[in-house]
Amino acid sequence: MGTIRVMLVDDHEVVRTGLRSFLELQDELQVVAEAGNGIEAIERALEVRPDVILMDITMPGMDGLEATRRLRSLCPECQVLALTVHADKHYFMEMLAAGASGYLTKQAAPDELIAAVQAVAEGHVYLQPALARWLLEDYQRLVERTGARRLDTPETSDENAVGLDVLSRRERQVLELVGQGLTNREIGEQLGLSPKTIARHRERIMKKLNMHSRTELVKFAIKTGLISLE
């Protein structure tokens, strides 16, 4: 893809300045806006429509969690990558539930930050490996609580949950590859289909599962055993 347009959201100006200086050293990245809290983030995002929003979590006024929730409906094309000091499971899960496409701590190496921005911009989900295991642990605990039965059965503990049985064989294939972080183009190459056809499959999958983000699809794929984190 071309230049990735990035917006920085952090209540510390010195952090934003450092991030801007670093990111703009990268030929493929351009910082197009900054914000100091969630309210400013929404206003600026609607103005400039960035590809990726680096979102802090704890900020005065409106925090990153609420801003992310609102941006998912107001600016769905803007991908949110959480960049925070919190290596904390609660924040990790809450940001994913809010619709973030990635989660990275500020202790991450610079090259990992670049990789995360690129991955999210290309339609992937990026989860810092040391933290991603929380998703697998939650899945394993849920399996233990339900007697190790498959989570795609009608007996799932969530009375409103939808299982894999509502998806066609092709849709399950697409969902599995989405869960592995592949883009529409990459999935199409594996299945011999066009990216537009894959996009239509993804739309149908999300409609059937009543989901609204790639992160939700990844979590569903993990919970139903389509993919695993090692």
C-alpha atoms as a PDB file:
ATOM      1  CA  MET A   1       0.000   0.000   0.000  1.00  0.00           C
ATOM      2  CA  GLY A   2       1.049   3.675  -0.237  1.00  0.00           C
ATOM      3  CA  THR A   3       1.827   6.071   2.576  1.00  0.00           C
ATOM      4  CA  ILE A   4       0.156   5.140   5.864  1.00  0.00           C
ATOM      5  CA  ARG A   5      -1.523   8.157   7.457  1.00  0.00           C
ATOM      6  CA  VAL A   6      -1.211   8.035  11.243  1.00  0.00           C
ATOM      7  CA  MET A   7      -2.856  10.003  14.051  1.00  0.00           C
ATOM      8  CA  LEU A   8      -1.322  10.165  17.545  1.00  0.00           C
ATOM      9  CA  VAL A   9      -3.549  10.227  20.620  1.00  0.00           C
ATOM     10  CA  ASP A  10      -1.791  10.700  23.966  1.00  0.00           C
ATOM     11  CA  ASP A  11      -2.263  13.190  26.781  1.00  0.00           C
ATOM     12  CA  HIS A  12       1.505  13.727  27.129  1.00  0.00           C
ATOM     13  CA  GLU A  13       2.825  16.155  24.541  1.00  0.00           C
ATOM     14  CA  VAL A  14       6.389  14.935  24.995  1.00  0.00           C
ATOM     15  CA  VAL A  15       5.262  11.398  24.083  1.00  0.00           C
ATOM     16  CA  ARG A  16       3.483  12.633  20.961  1.00  0.00           C
ATOM     17  CA  THR A  17       6.526  14.676  19.953  1.00  0.00           C
ATOM     18  CA  GLY A  18       8.812  11.670  20.334  1.00  0.00           C
ATOM     19  CA  LEU A  19       6.456   9.420  18.410  1.00  0.00           C
ATOM     20  CA  ARG A  20       6.043  11.940  15.615  1.00  0.00           C
ATOM     21  CA  SER A  21       9.813  12.384  15.264  1.00  0.00           C
ATOM     22  CA  PHE A  22      10.353   8.635  15.120  1.00  0.00           C
ATOM     23  CA  LEU A  23       7.467   7.746  12.817  1.00  0.00           C
ATOM     24  CA  GLU A  24       8.246  10.454  10.306  1.00  0.00           C
ATOM     25  CA  LEU A  25      11.695   8.958   9.825  1.00  0.00           C
ATOM     26  CA  GLN A  26       9.904   6.077   8.125  1.00  0.00           C
ATOM     27  CA  ASP A  27       9.322   6.693   4.410  1.00  0.00           C
ATOM     28  CA  GLU A  28       5.989   4.891   4.364  1.00  0.00           C
ATOM     29  CA  LEU A  29       4.458   6.695   7.383  1.00  0.00           C
ATOM     30  CA  GLN A  30       3.005  10.183   7.714  1.00  0.00           C
ATOM     31  CA  VAL A  31       1.682  11.695  10.952  1.00  0.00           C
ATOM     32  CA  VAL A  32      -1.382  13.708   9.923  1.00  0.00           C
ATOM     33  CA  ALA A  33      -2.890  14.705  13.283  1.00  0.00           C
ATOM     34  CA  GLU A  34      -2.502  14.650  17.056  1.00  0.00           C
ATOM     35  CA  ALA A  35      -4.937  14.702  19.976  1.00  0.00           C
ATOM     36  CA  GLY A  36      -4.557  14.903  23.745  1.00  0.00           C
ATOM     37  CA  ASN A  37      -7.728  13.030  24.774  1.00  0.00           C
ATOM     38  CA  GLY A  38     -10.587  10.979  23.423  1.00  0.00           C
ATOM     39  CA  ILE A  39     -12.860  13.891  22.562  1.00  0.00           C
ATOM     40  CA  GLU A  40     -10.140  15.586  20.523  1.00  0.00           C
ATOM     41  CA  ALA A  41      -9.305  12.232  18.929  1.00  0.00           C
ATOM     42  CA  ILE A  42     -12.831  11.807  17.573  1.00  0.00           C
ATOM     43  CA  GLU A  43     -12.958  15.372  16.264  1.00  0.00           C
ATOM     44  CA  ARG A  44      -9.591  15.116  14.529  1.00  0.00           C
ATOM     45  CA  ALA A  45     -10.253  11.622  13.163  1.00  0.00           C
ATOM     46  CA  LEU A  46     -13.457  12.796  11.502  1.00  0.00           C
ATOM     47  CA  GLU A  47     -11.557  15.705   9.971  1.00  0.00           C
ATOM     48  CA  VAL A  48      -8.515  13.885   8.565  1.00  0.00           C
ATOM     49  CA  ARG A  49      -9.684  10.238   8.348  1.00  0.00           C
ATOM     50  CA  PRO A  50      -6.321   8.619   9.214  1.00  0.00           C
ATOM     51  CA  ASP A  51      -5.510   5.036   8.300  1.00  0.00           C
ATOM     52  CA  VAL A  52      -4.213   4.179  11.777  1.00  0.00           C
ATOM     53  CA  ILE A  53      -4.824   5.812  15.154  1.00  0.00           C
ATOM     54  CA  LEU A  54      -2.224   5.178  17.863  1.00  0.00           C
ATOM     55  CA  MET A  55      -4.474   5.352  20.907  1.00  0.00           C
ATOM     56  CA  ASP A  56      -3.396   5.803  24.509  1.00  0.00           C
ATOM     57  CA  ILE A  57      -5.873   4.449  27.068  1.00  0.00           C
ATOM     58  CA  THR A  58      -5.780   6.492  30.274  1.00  0.00           C
ATOM     59  CA  MET A  59      -6.408  10.142  29.405  1.00  0.00           C
ATOM     60  CA  PRO A  60      -8.393  12.968  31.030  1.00  0.00           C
ATOM     61  CA  GLY A  61     -11.889  13.704  29.804  1.00  0.00           C
ATOM     62  CA  MET A  62     -12.700  10.809  27.502  1.00  0.00           C
ATOM     63  CA  ASP A  63     -10.324   7.851  27.725  1.00  0.00           C
ATOM     64  CA  GLY A  64      -9.070   5.669  24.892  1.00  0.00           C
ATOM     65  CA  LEU A  65     -11.603   2.917  25.539  1.00  0.00           C
ATOM     66  CA  GLU A  66     -14.630   5.141  25.010  1.00  0.00           C
ATOM     67  CA  ALA A  67     -13.005   6.950  22.093  1.00  0.00           C
ATOM     68  CA  THR A  68     -12.322   3.622  20.386  1.00  0.00           C
ATOM     69  CA  ARG A  69     -15.908   2.460  20.888  1.00  0.00           C
ATOM     70  CA  ARG A  70     -17.255   5.626  19.302  1.00  0.00           C
ATOM     71  CA  LEU A  71     -14.755   5.639  16.459  1.00  0.00           C
ATOM     72  CA  ARG A  72     -15.763   2.135  15.398  1.00  0.00           C
ATOM     73  CA  SER A  73     -19.143   3.517  14.344  1.00  0.00           C
ATOM     74  CA  LEU A  74     -18.194   7.090  13.433  1.00  0.00           C
ATOM     75  CA  CYS A  75     -15.030   6.299  11.470  1.00  0.00           C
ATOM     76  CA  PRO A  76     -14.971   2.534  10.754  1.00  0.00           C
ATOM     77  CA  GLU A  77     -12.182   2.875   8.191  1.00  0.00           C
ATOM     78  CA  CYS A  78      -9.860   4.258  10.889  1.00  0.00           C
ATOM     79  CA  GLN A  79      -7.971   1.365  12.470  1.00  0.00           C
ATOM     80  CA  VAL A  80      -7.153   1.790  16.160  1.00  0.00           C
ATOM     81  CA  LEU A  81      -3.878   0.467  17.543  1.00  0.00           C
ATOM     82  CA  ALA A  82      -3.670   0.754  21.321  1.00  0.00           C
ATOM     83  CA  LEU A  83      -0.279   2.068  22.458  1.00  0.00           C
ATOM     84  CA  THR A  84      -0.184   2.153  26.228  1.00  0.00           C
ATOM     85  CA  VAL A  85       1.888   1.662  29.373  1.00  0.00           C
ATOM     86  CA  HIS A  86      -0.626  -0.944  30.536  1.00  0.00           C
ATOM     87  CA  ALA A  87       0.578  -4.528  30.144  1.00  0.00           C
ATOM     88  CA  ASP A  88      -2.687  -5.400  31.824  1.00  0.00           C
ATOM     89  CA  LYS A  89      -5.180  -8.094  30.873  1.00  0.00           C
ATOM     90  CA  HIS A  90      -8.213  -5.983  31.759  1.00  0.00           C
ATOM     91  CA  TYR A  91      -7.207  -3.124  29.475  1.00  0.00           C
ATOM     92  CA  PHE A  92      -6.111  -5.592  26.790  1.00  0.00           C
ATOM     93  CA  MET A  93      -9.490  -7.319  26.695  1.00  0.00           C
ATOM     94  CA  GLU A  94     -11.447  -4.080  27.011  1.00  0.00           C
ATOM     95  CA  MET A  95      -9.641  -2.445  24.094  1.00  0.00           C
ATOM     96  CA  LEU A  96     -10.243  -5.472  21.870  1.00  0.00           C
ATOM     97  CA  ALA A  97     -13.901  -5.494  22.864  1.00  0.00           C
ATOM     98  CA  ALA A  98     -14.084  -1.775  22.080  1.00  0.00           C
ATOM     99  CA  GLY A  99     -12.931  -2.493  18.531  1.00  0.00           C
ATOM    100  CA  ALA A 100      -9.169  -1.942  18.525  1.00  0.00           C
ATOM    101  CA  SER A 101      -7.316  -3.829  15.790  1.00  0.00           C
ATOM    102  CA  GLY A 102      -4.135  -4.123  17.813  1.00  0.00           C
ATOM    103  CA  TYR A 103      -2.539  -3.733  21.218  1.00  0.00           C
ATOM    104  CA  LEU A 104       1.040  -2.744  21.969  1.00  0.00           C
ATOM    105  CA  THR A 105       2.774  -1.504  25.109  1.00  0.00           C
ATOM    106  CA  LYS A 106       5.089   1.478  25.127  1.00  0.00           C
ATOM    107  CA  GLN A 107       7.888  -0.851  26.192  1.00  0.00           C
ATOM    108  CA  ALA A 108       7.818  -2.488  22.751  1.00  0.00           C
ATOM    109  CA  ALA A 109      10.858  -2.169  20.499  1.00  0.00           C
ATOM    110  CA  PRO A 110      10.722   0.532  17.789  1.00  0.00           C
ATOM    111  CA  ASP A 111      10.718  -2.019  14.968  1.00  0.00           C
ATOM    112  CA  GLU A 112       7.759  -3.775  16.572  1.00  0.00           C
ATOM    113  CA  LEU A 113       5.832  -0.495  16.618  1.00  0.00           C
ATOM    114  CA  ILE A 114       6.466  -0.035  12.900  1.00  0.00           C
ATOM    115  CA  ALA A 115       5.434  -3.634  12.214  1.00  0.00           C
ATOM    116  CA  ALA A 116       2.247  -3.147  14.240  1.00  0.00           C
ATOM    117  CA  VAL A 117       1.271   0.041  12.393  1.00  0.00           C
ATOM    118  CA  GLN A 118       1.881  -1.618   9.020  1.00  0.00           C
ATOM    119  CA  ALA A 119      -0.028  -4.753   9.981  1.00  0.00           C
ATOM    120  CA  VAL A 120      -3.073  -2.878  11.239  1.00  0.00           C
ATOM    121  CA  ALA A 121      -3.075  -0.579   8.196  1.00  0.00           C
ATOM    122  CA  GLU A 122      -3.080  -3.629   5.911  1.00  0.00           C
ATOM    123  CA  GLY A 123      -6.107  -5.140   7.615  1.00  0.00           C
ATOM    124  CA  HIS A 124      -4.333  -7.466  10.023  1.00  0.00           C
ATOM    125  CA  VAL A 125      -4.864  -7.784  13.750  1.00  0.00           C
ATOM    126  CA  TYR A 126      -1.648  -7.128  15.685  1.00  0.00           C
ATOM    127  CA  LEU A 127      -1.367  -8.333  19.272  1.00  0.00           C
ATOM    128  CA  GLN A 128       1.904  -8.096  21.154  1.00  0.00           C
ATOM    129  CA  PRO A 129       2.951 -11.776  21.457  1.00  0.00           C
ATOM    130  CA  ALA A 130       3.586 -11.609  25.202  1.00  0.00           C
ATOM    131  CA  LEU A 131      -0.003 -10.403  25.711  1.00  0.00           C
ATOM    132  CA  ALA A 132      -1.840 -12.371  23.025  1.00  0.00           C
ATOM    133  CA  ARG A 133      -1.730 -15.516  25.126  1.00  0.00           C
ATOM    134  CA  TRP A 134      -4.467 -14.021  27.318  1.00  0.00           C
ATOM    135  CA  LEU A 135      -6.952 -14.780  24.543  1.00  0.00           C
ATOM    136  CA  LEU A 136      -5.882 -18.406  24.430  1.00  0.00           C
ATOM    137  CA  GLU A 137      -5.964 -18.691  28.229  1.00  0.00           C
ATOM    138  CA  ASP A 138      -9.524 -17.347  28.300  1.00  0.00           C
ATOM    139  CA  TYR A 139     -10.530 -19.857  25.662  1.00  0.00           C
ATOM    140  CA  GLN A 140      -8.917 -22.719  27.566  1.00  0.00           C
ATOM    141  CA  ARG A 141     -10.663 -21.740  30.797  1.00  0.00           C
ATOM    142  CA  LEU A 142     -13.994 -21.503  29.012  1.00  0.00           C
ATOM    143  CA  VAL A 143     -13.475 -24.981  27.564  1.00  0.00           C
ATOM    144  CA  GLU A 144     -12.705 -26.327  31.036  1.00  0.00           C
ATOM    145  CA  ARG A 145     -15.847 -24.724  32.478  1.00  0.00           C
ATOM    146  CA  THR A 146     -18.013 -26.212  29.753  1.00  0.00           C
ATOM    147  CA  GLY A 147     -16.635 -29.712  30.111  1.00  0.00           C
ATOM    148  CA  ALA A 148     -14.259 -29.405  27.138  1.00  0.00           C
ATOM    149  CA  ARG A 149     -17.138 -29.430  24.669  1.00  0.00           C
ATOM    150  CA  ARG A 150     -16.832 -27.518  21.407  1.00  0.00           C
ATOM    151  CA  LEU A 151     -17.934 -23.908  21.697  1.00  0.00           C
ATOM    152  CA  ASP A 152     -19.800 -24.029  18.409  1.00  0.00           C
ATOM    153  CA  THR A 153     -22.601 -26.168  19.876  1.00  0.00           C
ATOM    154  CA  PRO A 154     -25.976 -24.744  20.955  1.00  0.00           C
ATOM    155  CA  GLU A 155     -24.953 -25.519  24.564  1.00  0.00           C
ATOM    156  CA  THR A 156     -22.476 -22.663  24.763  1.00  0.00           C
ATOM    157  CA  SER A 157     -22.546 -20.736  28.027  1.00  0.00           C
ATOM    158  CA  ASP A 158     -23.592 -17.511  26.242  1.00  0.00           C
ATOM    159  CA  GLU A 159     -27.283 -17.812  25.510  1.00  0.00           C
ATOM    160  CA  ASN A 160     -26.984 -15.323  22.664  1.00  0.00           C
ATOM    161  CA  ALA A 161     -23.901 -16.901  21.109  1.00  0.00           C
ATOM    162  CA  VAL A 162     -23.924 -18.009  17.489  1.00  0.00           C
ATOM    163  CA  GLY A 163     -21.888 -21.065  16.493  1.00  0.00           C
ATOM    164  CA  LEU A 164     -19.935 -22.186  13.471  1.00  0.00           C
ATOM    165  CA  ASP A 165     -22.962 -24.099  12.234  1.00  0.00           C
ATOM    166  CA  VAL A 166     -24.468 -20.889  10.812  1.00  0.00           C
ATOM    167  CA  LEU A 167     -21.513 -20.539   8.425  1.00  0.00           C
ATOM    168  CA  SER A 168     -21.000 -22.332   5.139  1.00  0.00           C
ATOM    169  CA  ARG A 169     -17.861 -24.384   4.525  1.00  0.00           C
ATOM    170  CA  ARG A 170     -16.369 -21.562   2.459  1.00  0.00           C
ATOM    171  CA  GLU A 171     -17.205 -18.988   5.133  1.00  0.00           C
ATOM    172  CA  ARG A 172     -15.449 -21.119   7.735  1.00  0.00           C
ATOM    173  CA  GLN A 173     -12.384 -21.251   5.503  1.00  0.00           C
ATOM    174  CA  VAL A 174     -12.426 -17.471   5.138  1.00  0.00           C
ATOM    175  CA  LEU A 175     -12.947 -16.958   8.872  1.00  0.00           C
ATOM    176  CA  GLU A 176     -10.013 -19.227   9.696  1.00  0.00           C
ATOM    177  CA  LEU A 177      -7.723 -17.226   7.417  1.00  0.00           C
ATOM    178  CA  VAL A 178      -9.048 -13.914   8.769  1.00  0.00           C
ATOM    179  CA  GLY A 179      -8.232 -15.225  12.237  1.00  0.00           C
ATOM    180  CA  GLN A 180      -4.674 -15.872  11.104  1.00  0.00           C
ATOM    181  CA  GLY A 181      -4.372 -12.200  10.208  1.00  0.00           C
ATOM    182  CA  LEU A 182      -4.444 -12.488   6.415  1.00  0.00           C
ATOM    183  CA  THR A 183      -5.735  -9.659   4.231  1.00  0.00           C
ATOM    184  CA  ASN A 184      -8.498 -10.080   1.648  1.00  0.00           C
ATOM    185  CA  ARG A 185      -5.898 -10.275  -1.105  1.00  0.00           C
ATOM    186  CA  GLU A 186      -3.879 -12.960   0.707  1.00  0.00           C
ATOM    187  CA  ILE A 187      -6.994 -14.992   1.497  1.00  0.00           C
ATOM    188  CA  GLY A 188      -8.097 -14.721  -2.114  1.00  0.00           C
ATOM    189  CA  GLU A 189      -4.732 -16.017  -3.317  1.00  0.00           C
ATOM    190  CA  GLN A 190      -5.016 -19.069  -1.059  1.00  0.00           C
ATOM    191  CA  LEU A 191      -8.601 -19.861  -2.012  1.00  0.00           C
ATOM    192  CA  GLY A 192      -8.427 -18.879  -5.666  1.00  0.00           C
ATOM    193  CA  LEU A 193     -10.958 -16.074  -5.264  1.00  0.00           C
ATOM    194  CA  SER A 194     -10.872 -12.331  -5.899  1.00  0.00           C
ATOM    195  CA  PRO A 195     -10.388  -9.871  -3.003  1.00  0.00           C
ATOM    196  CA  LYS A 196     -13.883  -8.499  -3.691  1.00  0.00           C
ATOM    197  CA  THR A 197     -15.366 -11.982  -3.296  1.00  0.00           C
ATOM    198  CA  ILE A 198     -13.490 -12.416  -0.007  1.00  0.00           C
ATOM    199  CA  ALA A 199     -14.787  -9.029   1.166  1.00  0.00           C
ATOM    200  CA  ARG A 200     -18.354 -10.166   0.448  1.00  0.00           C
ATOM    201  CA  HIS A 201     -17.756 -13.395   2.388  1.00  0.00           C
ATOM    202  CA  ARG A 202     -16.445 -11.382   5.333  1.00  0.00           C
ATOM    203  CA  GLU A 203     -19.486  -9.118   5.264  1.00  0.00           C
ATOM    204  CA  ARG A 204     -21.800 -12.130   5.323  1.00  0.00           C
ATOM    205  CA  ILE A 205     -19.810 -13.748   8.142  1.00  0.00           C
ATOM    206  CA  MET A 206     -19.970 -10.605  10.269  1.00  0.00           C
ATOM    207  CA  LYS A 207     -23.688 -10.255   9.610  1.00  0.00           C
ATOM    208  CA  LYS A 208     -24.405 -13.886  10.535  1.00  0.00           C
ATOM    209  CA  LEU A 209     -22.298 -13.653  13.699  1.00  0.00           C
ATOM    210  CA  ASN A 210     -23.536 -10.157  14.588  1.00  0.00           C
ATOM    211  CA  MET A 211     -19.977  -8.860  14.808  1.00  0.00           C
ATOM    212  CA  HIS A 212     -18.558  -5.514  13.796  1.00  0.00           C
ATOM    213  CA  SER A 213     -14.756  -5.747  13.789  1.00  0.00           C
ATOM    214  CA  ARG A 214     -11.880  -8.023  12.771  1.00  0.00           C
ATOM    215  CA  THR A 215     -10.909  -8.328  16.420  1.00  0.00           C
ATOM    216  CA  GLU A 216     -14.287  -9.876  17.235  1.00  0.00           C
ATOM    217  CA  LEU A 217     -13.845 -12.337  14.378  1.00  0.00           C
ATOM    218  CA  VAL A 218     -10.380 -13.329  15.619  1.00  0.00           C
ATOM    219  CA  LYS A 219     -11.662 -13.903  19.156  1.00  0.00           C
ATOM    220  CA  PHE A 220     -14.543 -15.980  17.777  1.00  0.00           C
ATOM    221  CA  ALA A 221     -12.150 -18.055  15.652  1.00  0.00           C
ATOM    222  CA  ILE A 222     -10.016 -18.756  18.721  1.00  0.00           C
ATOM    223  CA  LYS A 223     -12.997 -19.629  20.927  1.00  0.00           C
ATOM    224  CA  THR A 224     -14.437 -22.040  18.377  1.00  0.00           C
ATOM    225  CA  GLY A 225     -11.114 -23.754  17.835  1.00  0.00           C
ATOM    226  CA  LEU A 226     -10.611 -22.622  14.211  1.00  0.00           C
ATOM    227  CA  ILE A 227      -7.238 -21.141  15.168  1.00  0.00           C
ATOM    228  CA  SER A 228      -4.966 -21.347  18.194  1.00  0.00           C
ATOM    229  CA  LEU A 229      -2.228 -19.192  19.670  1.00  0.00           C
ATOM    230  CA  GLU A 230       1.016 -20.964  20.445  1.00  0.00           C
END
